Amino acid sequence: MGLGTSIFLIAVGAILDFAVYVNTPGFNIHTVGLILMVVGVIGLVMSMVFWGSWGGFHRQAVYNDGVAPARRRRRVIDEEID
């Protein structure tokens, strides 16, 4: 679940919990709104926790301890063809 989906679930749950005034027998729409908000918050927290381990943007730290980088030697062979 991504950030957008989590925010959407929180918004829909808040609308169902706070803005809808309907009484239905055997089905409480306010409880459904509360459940959607809780699931949205859990998804939002999980997305933020695992954001660093996502395979998208990686930074590689390069440390230089005052040592010159290793130089590669190239070997050039000149052959003369008669």
Protein backbone atom coordinates (compact mmCIF):
# COMPACT_ATOMS: atom_id res chain seq x y z
CA MET A 1 0.00 0.00 0.00
CA GLY A 2 1.46 3.32 -1.00
CA LEU A 3 1.27 6.77 0.47
CA GLY A 4 -1.53 7.86 -1.84
CA THR A 5 -3.70 4.85 -1.02
CA SER A 6 -3.15 5.34 2.71
CA ILE A 7 -4.12 9.01 2.56
CA PHE A 8 -7.17 8.12 0.46
CA LEU A 9 -8.31 5.51 3.02
CA ILE A 10 -7.86 8.00 5.86
CA ALA A 11 -9.92 10.61 4.00
CA VAL A 12 -12.74 8.20 3.10
CA GLY A 13 -12.80 6.84 6.65
CA ALA A 14 -12.99 10.34 8.11
CA ILE A 15 -15.87 11.22 5.79
CA LEU A 16 -17.76 8.06 6.73
CA ASP A 17 -17.07 8.52 10.44
CA PHE A 18 -17.67 12.25 10.88
CA ALA A 19 -19.74 13.56 7.97
CA VAL A 20 -22.31 10.85 7.22
CA TYR A 21 -25.42 10.66 9.40
CA VAL A 22 -27.17 7.41 8.54
CA ASN A 23 -28.73 4.85 10.87
CA THR A 24 -28.82 1.36 9.40
CA PRO A 25 -29.90 -1.79 11.22
CA GLY A 26 -27.08 -4.29 11.68
CA PHE A 27 -24.49 -2.13 9.93
CA ASN A 28 -22.71 0.80 11.52
CA ILE A 29 -21.17 3.08 8.90
CA HIS A 30 -19.22 4.97 11.57
CA THR A 31 -17.41 1.78 12.55
CA VAL A 32 -16.50 1.17 8.91
CA GLY A 33 -15.11 4.71 8.74
CA LEU A 34 -13.06 4.15 11.88
CA ILE A 35 -11.69 0.86 10.51
CA LEU A 36 -10.72 2.54 7.23
CA MET A 37 -8.93 5.32 9.10
CA VAL A 38 -7.00 2.83 11.26
CA VAL A 39 -5.99 0.75 8.21
CA GLY A 40 -4.93 3.94 6.41
CA VAL A 41 -2.78 5.08 9.34
CA ILE A 42 -1.15 1.64 9.62
CA GLY A 43 -0.45 1.66 5.88
CA LEU A 44 0.98 5.17 6.09
CA VAL A 45 3.31 4.22 8.94
CA MET A 46 4.41 1.04 7.16
CA SER A 47 5.09 2.97 3.97
CA MET A 48 7.24 5.48 5.83
CA VAL A 49 9.14 2.72 7.67
CA PHE A 50 9.92 0.77 4.52
CA TRP A 51 10.54 3.85 2.34
CA GLY A 52 14.30 3.63 2.97
CA SER A 53 14.47 0.01 1.85
CA TRP A 54 12.53 0.63 -1.34
CA GLY A 55 14.47 -0.24 -4.49
CA GLY A 56 14.20 3.20 -6.02
CA PHE A 57 16.74 5.76 -4.96
CA HIS A 58 20.03 4.54 -3.56
CA ARG A 59 23.00 6.60 -2.51
CA GLN A 60 26.40 5.10 -2.28
CA ALA A 61 28.80 6.53 0.25
CA VAL A 62 32.40 6.80 -0.86
CA TYR A 63 34.99 7.33 1.81
CA ASN A 64 38.50 8.58 1.15
CA ASP A 65 40.94 8.17 4.02
CA GLY A 66 43.61 10.33 2.45
CA VAL A 67 44.73 7.46 0.22
CA ALA A 68 45.00 8.03 -3.48
CA PRO A 69 42.65 5.87 -5.49
CA ALA A 70 44.16 2.78 -7.04
CA ARG A 71 45.35 3.37 -10.58
CA ARG A 72 44.74 0.80 -13.21
CA ARG A 73 47.65 -0.16 -15.37
CA ARG A 74 47.06 -0.55 -19.03
CA ARG A 75 49.29 -2.78 -21.00
CA VAL A 76 49.79 -1.76 -24.60
CA ILE A 77 51.37 -4.21 -27.01
CA ASP A 78 52.53 -2.91 -30.34
CA GLU A 79 52.99 -5.57 -32.95
CA GLU A 80 54.58 -4.93 -36.25
CA ILE A 81 53.29 -6.93 -39.12
CA ASP A 82 55.71 -7.44 -42.05
